[in-house]
Amino acid sequence: MSQGEARFPMVPTLCAALGVKGHRPTVGTRDCKDLLYVFAVVNLVTAAVHANTLESPKNAKKKTGLSKARRMQAGFAAHLRHVGRMYPRQMYPRVVLLIDNAPWHRGKPIDCAMRDNPHLAFKRLPSYSPQLNPIERFWKKLRRRATHNRLFDTLADLKTSLRASLSYFQTVRHKVISIIEGRPKRKNTK
């Protein structure tokens, strides 16, 4: 299973769009520092996607008293427990998660979640190599579908858009498989 997390800001991401000739499409913007983090795991065999979200308003540290790393640790630990429930030990004796070396992938909350789910195991990827994690290609498609050229009024609107896109990808697993497999390498013909 390929595991990763991505941040989705409230500020819209812009990309090329089709429009009526002679009229320039417009997308509003605002100065909003609120973020939504999405923790997701993609089953590399069945292409099932399981995700959890973590809201991070701009003043989250003041509200919670926790640093970003501590909040992310708690969110990742909750995500691991969710994966443990989706893939119970009785049916899946060993579940291996491909993860990067983010600082919130270590610590007491993670150790506690792993003790609760002893059938889960980590396979850590080398540092600075996101291209080796198949879920990174999925994030690109999810961003394009859920957030490009859209202005959200609240974090709840952003979360609704992301959940709708994640639900879409649950129904078209053949597309998820093609995304995580990537493009075939071209053969050099000389």
Protein backbone atom coordinates (compact mmCIF):
# COMPACT_ATOMS: atom_id res chain seq x y z
CA MET A 1 0.00 0.00 0.00
CA SER A 2 1.22 3.45 -0.84
CA GLN A 3 0.69 6.07 1.87
CA GLY A 4 1.12 9.81 1.65
CA GLU A 5 -0.23 13.14 2.71
CA ALA A 6 -0.89 16.31 0.81
CA ARG A 7 -1.81 19.85 1.75
CA PHE A 8 -4.62 21.69 0.06
CA PRO A 9 -4.68 25.46 0.62
CA MET A 10 -7.76 27.65 0.44
CA VAL A 11 -6.00 29.81 -2.16
CA PRO A 12 -7.01 28.47 -5.59
CA THR A 13 -4.54 26.72 -7.84
CA LEU A 14 -4.74 28.03 -11.36
CA CYS A 15 -4.32 26.08 -14.57
CA ALA A 16 -5.27 26.40 -18.22
CA ALA A 17 -9.01 26.25 -18.87
CA LEU A 18 -11.28 26.36 -21.87
CA GLY A 19 -13.44 29.39 -22.36
CA VAL A 20 -15.58 31.22 -24.86
CA LYS A 21 -13.58 33.00 -27.54
CA GLY A 22 -13.11 36.65 -26.66
CA HIS A 23 -13.88 36.18 -22.93
CA ARG A 24 -11.13 35.52 -20.40
CA PRO A 25 -12.14 33.05 -17.64
CA THR A 26 -11.69 34.47 -14.14
CA VAL A 27 -11.06 32.84 -10.81
CA GLY A 28 -11.20 34.87 -7.63
CA THR A 29 -8.60 34.76 -4.92
CA ARG A 30 -8.22 35.74 -1.29
CA ASP A 31 -5.49 35.94 1.29
CA CYS A 32 -6.38 32.93 3.40
CA LYS A 33 -3.77 30.81 5.17
CA ASP A 34 -6.13 27.97 6.13
CA LEU A 35 -5.05 24.50 4.97
CA LEU A 36 -6.58 21.07 4.73
CA TYR A 37 -4.25 18.10 5.00
CA VAL A 38 -5.31 14.79 3.49
CA PHE A 39 -3.77 11.51 4.64
CA ALA A 40 -4.46 8.74 2.14
CA VAL A 41 -3.46 5.22 1.36
CA VAL A 42 -3.89 3.52 -2.01
CA ASN A 43 -4.06 -0.26 -2.20
CA LEU A 44 -1.68 -1.08 -5.06
CA VAL A 45 -3.59 -4.29 -5.91
CA THR A 46 -7.25 -3.27 -5.71
CA ALA A 47 -6.79 0.50 -6.19
CA ALA A 48 -8.96 1.20 -3.14
CA VAL A 49 -8.37 4.66 -1.69
CA HIS A 50 -8.82 5.36 2.03
CA ALA A 51 -8.39 8.93 3.26
CA ASN A 52 -8.64 11.08 6.37
CA THR A 53 -8.50 14.87 6.61
CA LEU A 54 -6.97 17.25 9.11
CA GLU A 55 -8.04 20.89 9.19
CA SER A 56 -5.30 23.40 9.87
CA PRO A 57 -6.60 26.95 10.19
CA LYS A 58 -3.99 29.71 10.16
CA ASN A 59 -4.07 30.09 13.95
CA ALA A 60 -4.18 26.36 14.78
CA LYS A 61 -1.13 26.53 17.04
CA LYS A 62 -2.80 29.20 19.21
CA LYS A 63 -6.06 27.25 19.39
CA THR A 64 -4.58 23.82 20.14
CA GLY A 65 -1.23 24.68 21.71
CA LEU A 66 0.37 22.04 19.49
CA SER A 67 3.00 22.53 16.81
CA LYS A 68 2.35 21.51 13.21
CA ALA A 69 4.46 18.37 13.68
CA ARG A 70 2.43 17.31 16.76
CA ARG A 71 -0.89 17.92 14.97
CA MET A 72 0.34 15.97 11.95
CA GLN A 73 1.50 13.12 14.21
CA ALA A 74 -1.94 12.90 15.78
CA GLY A 75 -3.59 12.99 12.35
CA PHE A 76 -1.25 10.31 10.99
CA ALA A 77 -1.83 8.11 14.06
CA ALA A 78 -5.61 8.40 13.54
CA HIS A 79 -5.08 7.55 9.87
CA LEU A 80 -3.08 4.43 10.81
CA ARG A 81 -5.90 3.29 13.10
CA HIS A 82 -8.34 3.85 10.22
CA VAL A 83 -6.17 1.72 7.91
CA GLY A 84 -6.00 -0.95 10.63
CA ARG A 85 -9.82 -1.05 10.75
CA MET A 86 -10.14 -1.17 6.95
CA TYR A 87 -7.62 -4.02 6.74
CA PRO A 88 -8.25 -6.13 9.88
CA ARG A 89 -5.58 -8.55 11.09
CA GLN A 90 -7.87 -11.58 10.66
CA MET A 91 -8.18 -11.03 6.91
CA TYR A 92 -4.83 -9.32 6.22
CA PRO A 93 -2.07 -10.79 8.43
CA ARG A 94 0.53 -8.31 7.12
CA VAL A 95 -0.10 -4.89 5.58
CA VAL A 96 2.96 -2.98 4.37
CA LEU A 97 2.72 0.79 3.94
CA LEU A 98 5.18 2.65 1.72
CA ILE A 99 5.94 5.93 3.49
CA ASP A 100 8.40 8.78 3.18
CA ASN A 101 10.57 10.10 5.99
CA ALA A 102 8.38 12.97 7.16
CA PRO A 103 9.04 13.93 10.79
CA TRP A 104 5.44 13.15 11.79
CA HIS A 105 5.88 9.50 10.74
CA ARG A 106 7.80 8.91 13.98
CA GLY A 107 7.08 9.46 17.65
CA LYS A 108 4.97 8.21 20.55
CA PRO A 109 1.54 8.62 18.88
CA ILE A 110 2.76 6.59 15.88
CA ASP A 111 4.31 3.89 18.09
CA CYS A 112 1.03 3.64 20.01
CA ALA A 113 -1.00 3.31 16.79
CA MET A 114 1.40 0.63 15.53
CA ARG A 115 1.06 -1.30 18.82
CA ASP A 116 -2.72 -1.19 18.37
CA ASN A 117 -2.29 -2.59 14.83
CA PRO A 118 0.67 -5.00 14.92
CA HIS A 119 -0.13 -6.32 11.44
CA LEU A 120 0.80 -2.93 9.91
CA ALA A 121 4.42 -2.44 8.87
CA PHE A 122 6.33 0.43 7.29
CA LYS A 123 8.62 0.32 4.29
CA ARG A 124 10.43 3.65 4.34
CA LEU A 125 11.48 5.17 1.05
CA PRO A 126 14.86 6.87 0.61
CA SER A 127 15.06 10.55 1.52
CA TYR A 128 14.07 13.10 -1.11
CA SER A 129 12.56 10.57 -3.50
CA PRO A 130 8.81 11.26 -3.83
CA GLN A 131 8.89 9.86 -7.37
CA LEU A 132 9.20 6.36 -5.87
CA ASN A 133 5.89 6.65 -4.02
CA PRO A 134 2.98 5.83 -6.38
CA ILE A 135 0.50 7.95 -4.42
CA GLU A 136 2.32 11.13 -5.48
CA ARG A 137 0.90 10.71 -9.00
CA PHE A 138 -2.56 10.31 -7.47
CA TRP A 139 -2.23 13.63 -5.62
CA LYS A 140 -1.67 15.44 -8.91
CA LYS A 141 -4.90 14.06 -10.40
CA LEU A 142 -6.85 14.70 -7.19
CA ARG A 143 -5.71 18.34 -7.12
CA ARG A 144 -6.68 18.82 -10.74
CA ARG A 145 -10.14 17.36 -10.18
CA ALA A 146 -10.93 18.89 -6.78
CA THR A 147 -9.25 22.27 -6.53
CA HIS A 148 -7.94 23.73 -9.80
CA ASN A 149 -9.62 27.00 -10.80
CA ARG A 150 -11.98 26.92 -7.82
CA LEU A 151 -12.36 29.41 -5.02
CA PHE A 152 -13.67 28.00 -1.74
CA ASP A 153 -15.40 30.12 0.88
CA THR A 154 -14.71 27.81 3.83
CA LEU A 155 -12.60 24.80 4.75
CA ALA A 156 -15.85 22.81 4.78
CA ASP A 157 -16.38 23.63 1.08
CA LEU A 158 -12.83 22.52 0.28
CA LYS A 159 -13.34 19.31 2.26
CA THR A 160 -16.62 18.63 0.45
CA SER A 161 -14.92 19.02 -2.92
CA LEU A 162 -12.07 16.71 -1.92
CA ARG A 163 -14.44 14.07 -0.53
CA ALA A 164 -16.50 14.16 -3.74
CA SER A 165 -13.36 13.66 -5.82
CA LEU A 166 -12.14 10.85 -3.56
CA SER A 167 -15.56 9.18 -3.88
CA TYR A 168 -15.28 9.51 -7.65
CA PHE A 169 -11.92 7.75 -7.62
CA GLN A 170 -13.44 4.95 -5.50
CA THR A 171 -15.90 4.26 -8.32
CA VAL A 172 -13.35 4.28 -11.17
CA ARG A 173 -10.61 2.08 -9.80
CA HIS A 174 -9.28 1.30 -13.28
CA LYS A 175 -8.30 4.99 -13.52
CA VAL A 176 -6.57 4.83 -10.15
CA ILE A 177 -4.59 1.80 -11.34
CA SER A 178 -3.51 3.63 -14.49
CA ILE A 179 -2.52 6.67 -12.38
CA ILE A 180 -0.39 4.74 -9.90
CA GLU A 181 1.23 2.60 -12.59
CA GLY A 182 2.31 5.73 -14.44
CA ARG A 183 3.21 6.03 -18.07
CA PRO A 184 5.17 3.24 -19.68
CA LYS A 185 8.79 4.10 -20.37
CA ARG A 186 9.58 4.86 -23.99
CA LYS A 187 12.19 2.71 -25.62
CA ASN A 188 15.06 4.56 -27.19
CA THR A 189 15.29 3.56 -30.82
CA LYS A 190 18.50 4.49 -32.53
